[in-house]
Protein backbone atom coordinates (compact mmCIF):
# COMPACT_ATOMS: atom_id res chain seq x y z
CA UNK A 1 27.56 -27.74 -36.93
CA UNK A 2 28.54 -24.42 -35.37
CA UNK A 3 26.84 -22.72 -32.44
CA UNK A 4 25.23 -20.03 -34.63
CA UNK A 5 23.39 -22.65 -36.72
CA UNK A 6 22.37 -24.56 -33.59
CA UNK A 7 21.08 -21.33 -32.03
CA UNK A 8 18.97 -20.70 -35.14
CA UNK A 9 17.64 -24.27 -35.04
CA UNK A 10 16.73 -23.86 -31.37
CA UNK A 11 14.83 -20.64 -32.07
CA UNK A 12 12.98 -22.28 -34.97
CA UNK A 13 12.07 -25.30 -32.87
CA UNK A 14 10.89 -23.24 -29.92
CA UNK A 15 8.87 -21.02 -32.25
CA UNK A 16 7.09 -24.10 -33.63
CA UNK A 17 6.33 -25.24 -30.09
CA UNK A 18 5.13 -21.78 -29.06
CA UNK A 19 2.53 -21.69 -31.82
CA UNK A 20 1.11 -25.13 -31.08
CA UNK A 21 -2.44 -25.01 -29.72
CA UNK A 22 -1.42 -27.00 -26.64
CA UNK A 23 1.22 -24.47 -25.65
CA UNK A 24 -1.03 -21.51 -26.36
CA UNK A 25 -3.64 -22.99 -24.03
CA UNK A 26 -0.96 -23.62 -21.41
CA UNK A 27 0.25 -20.04 -21.75
CA UNK A 28 -3.25 -18.81 -20.87
CA UNK A 29 -2.86 -20.57 -17.51
CA UNK A 30 0.34 -18.65 -16.89
CA UNK A 31 -0.92 -15.14 -17.51
CA UNK A 32 -4.02 -12.99 -17.49
CA UNK A 33 -7.51 -13.91 -16.42
CA UNK A 34 -7.08 -17.68 -16.52
CA UNK A 35 -3.95 -17.38 -14.38
CA UNK A 36 -6.01 -15.55 -11.74
CA UNK A 37 -8.93 -17.96 -12.10
CA UNK A 38 -6.67 -21.01 -11.83
CA UNK A 39 -5.06 -19.61 -8.67
CA UNK A 40 -8.48 -18.96 -7.15
CA UNK A 41 -9.59 -22.51 -7.99
CA UNK A 42 -6.52 -23.96 -6.31
CA UNK A 43 -7.01 -21.81 -3.18
CA UNK A 44 -10.76 -21.92 -2.58
CA UNK A 45 -10.33 -22.17 1.19
CA UNK A 46 -8.12 -19.09 1.46
CA UNK A 47 -9.45 -15.56 1.88
CA UNK A 48 -8.07 -13.86 -1.21
CA UNK A 49 -7.83 -10.12 -1.73
CA UNK A 50 -6.67 -8.32 -4.87
CA UNK A 51 -3.45 -7.39 -3.04
CA UNK A 52 -2.85 -11.03 -2.14
CA UNK A 53 -3.39 -12.04 -5.78
CA UNK A 54 -0.95 -9.36 -6.91
CA UNK A 55 1.69 -10.53 -4.43
CA UNK A 56 1.26 -14.25 -5.05
CA UNK A 57 1.04 -14.08 -8.84
CA UNK A 58 3.66 -11.33 -9.24
CA UNK A 59 1.41 -9.17 -11.37
CA UNK A 60 0.57 -5.51 -10.88
CA UNK A 61 -2.41 -4.36 -8.89
CA UNK A 62 -4.00 -2.66 -11.95
CA UNK A 63 -3.70 -5.90 -13.96
CA UNK A 64 -5.28 -7.85 -11.10
CA UNK A 65 -8.11 -5.33 -10.90
CA UNK A 66 -8.70 -5.52 -14.66
CA UNK A 67 -8.71 -9.34 -14.57
CA UNK A 68 -11.13 -9.41 -11.63
CA UNK A 69 -13.48 -6.96 -13.35
CA UNK A 70 -13.51 -9.03 -16.54
CA UNK A 71 -13.94 -12.31 -14.65
CA UNK A 72 -16.77 -10.77 -12.62
CA UNK A 73 -18.52 -9.61 -15.81
CA UNK A 74 -18.30 -13.20 -17.13
CA UNK A 75 -19.75 -14.55 -13.88
CA UNK A 76 -16.57 -16.45 -12.98
CA UNK A 77 -15.81 -14.56 -9.76
CA UNK A 78 -17.62 -12.37 -7.29
CA UNK A 79 -16.30 -9.90 -4.79
CA UNK A 80 -17.55 -9.14 -1.33
CA UNK A 81 -16.49 -6.76 1.40
CA UNK A 82 -14.69 -8.08 4.45
CA UNK A 83 -16.91 -8.10 7.55
CA UNK A 84 -14.24 -6.43 9.70
CA UNK A 85 -12.95 -3.91 7.15
CA UNK A 86 -15.52 -2.79 4.55
CA UNK A 87 -12.74 -1.32 2.37
CA UNK A 88 -11.15 -4.75 1.97
CA UNK A 89 -12.50 -6.78 -0.96
CA UNK A 90 -12.52 -10.58 -0.99
CA UNK A 91 -12.42 -12.37 -4.36
CA UNK A 92 -14.38 -15.63 -4.60
CA UNK A 93 -14.53 -18.01 -7.55
CA UNK A 94 -18.07 -18.97 -8.57
CA UNK A 95 -19.30 -22.43 -9.55
CA UNK A 96 -19.38 -21.21 -13.15
CA UNK A 97 -15.75 -20.09 -12.80
CA UNK A 98 -14.75 -23.44 -11.33
CA UNK A 99 -16.49 -25.29 -14.14
CA UNK A 100 -14.84 -23.11 -16.79
CA UNK A 101 -11.30 -23.43 -15.42
CA UNK A 102 -11.64 -27.17 -14.78
CA UNK A 103 -12.70 -27.64 -18.42
CA UNK A 104 -9.69 -25.64 -19.62
CA UNK A 105 -7.40 -27.56 -17.29
CA UNK A 106 -8.65 -30.94 -18.59
CA UNK A 107 -8.12 -29.78 -22.16
CA UNK A 108 -4.51 -28.76 -21.47
CA UNK A 109 -3.82 -31.95 -19.49
CA UNK A 110 -5.19 -33.97 -22.42
CA UNK A 111 -2.77 -32.27 -24.83
CA UNK A 112 0.20 -33.07 -22.65
CA UNK A 113 -0.89 -36.62 -21.88
CA UNK A 114 -1.07 -37.16 -25.63
CA UNK A 115 2.33 -35.49 -25.98
CA UNK A 116 4.07 -37.86 -23.53
CA UNK A 117 2.26 -40.90 -24.91
CA UNK A 118 3.46 -40.07 -28.43
CA UNK A 119 7.01 -39.41 -27.26
CA UNK A 120 7.18 -42.51 -25.13
CA UNK A 121 8.74 -42.92 -21.73
CA UNK A 122 12.43 -42.70 -22.71
CA UNK A 123 12.09 -39.65 -24.97
CA UNK A 124 9.77 -37.94 -22.48
CA UNK A 125 12.30 -38.45 -19.68
CA UNK A 126 15.10 -37.13 -21.92
CA UNK A 127 12.96 -34.11 -22.82
CA UNK A 128 12.31 -33.37 -19.13
CA UNK A 129 16.01 -33.78 -18.35
CA UNK A 130 16.96 -31.30 -21.07
CA UNK A 131 14.34 -28.75 -19.99
CA UNK A 132 15.56 -28.97 -16.39
CA UNK A 133 19.16 -28.61 -17.56
CA UNK A 134 18.25 -25.52 -19.59
CA UNK A 135 16.38 -23.98 -16.66
CA UNK A 136 19.25 -24.71 -14.26
CA UNK A 137 21.81 -23.19 -16.60
CA UNK A 138 19.76 -20.08 -17.26
CA UNK A 139 19.02 -19.57 -13.55
CA UNK A 140 22.76 -19.67 -12.79
CA UNK A 141 23.38 -16.62 -15.02
């Protein structure tokens, strides 16, 4: 089989994976509101500002602001002014936000636990090896 046919097969396979519910749910953790919410849940003991979120998540300030506004309207976060600098806003995840993101996280983890159980240990390890090889090769370019 030539490289062109293998390239097409790779694209088809990755497209099938991309449209699976498990990967769509995972993607939500890697962008947008859930990305922000997940970061906040993992860093509850850190004073987090919109600028800090922007820097740490590598997303623009306007996108962070939009996400915070939406999450606040859903009751998942609240903002408060810093005691020393009233212009500085602190973003805090609420109990409702924690509950929501933990539920989403458990759902995604369940998908992938099922995935590795169905593949089995050997195929799972081979899959991880190939993903890491792909990432290493792409990062070298």
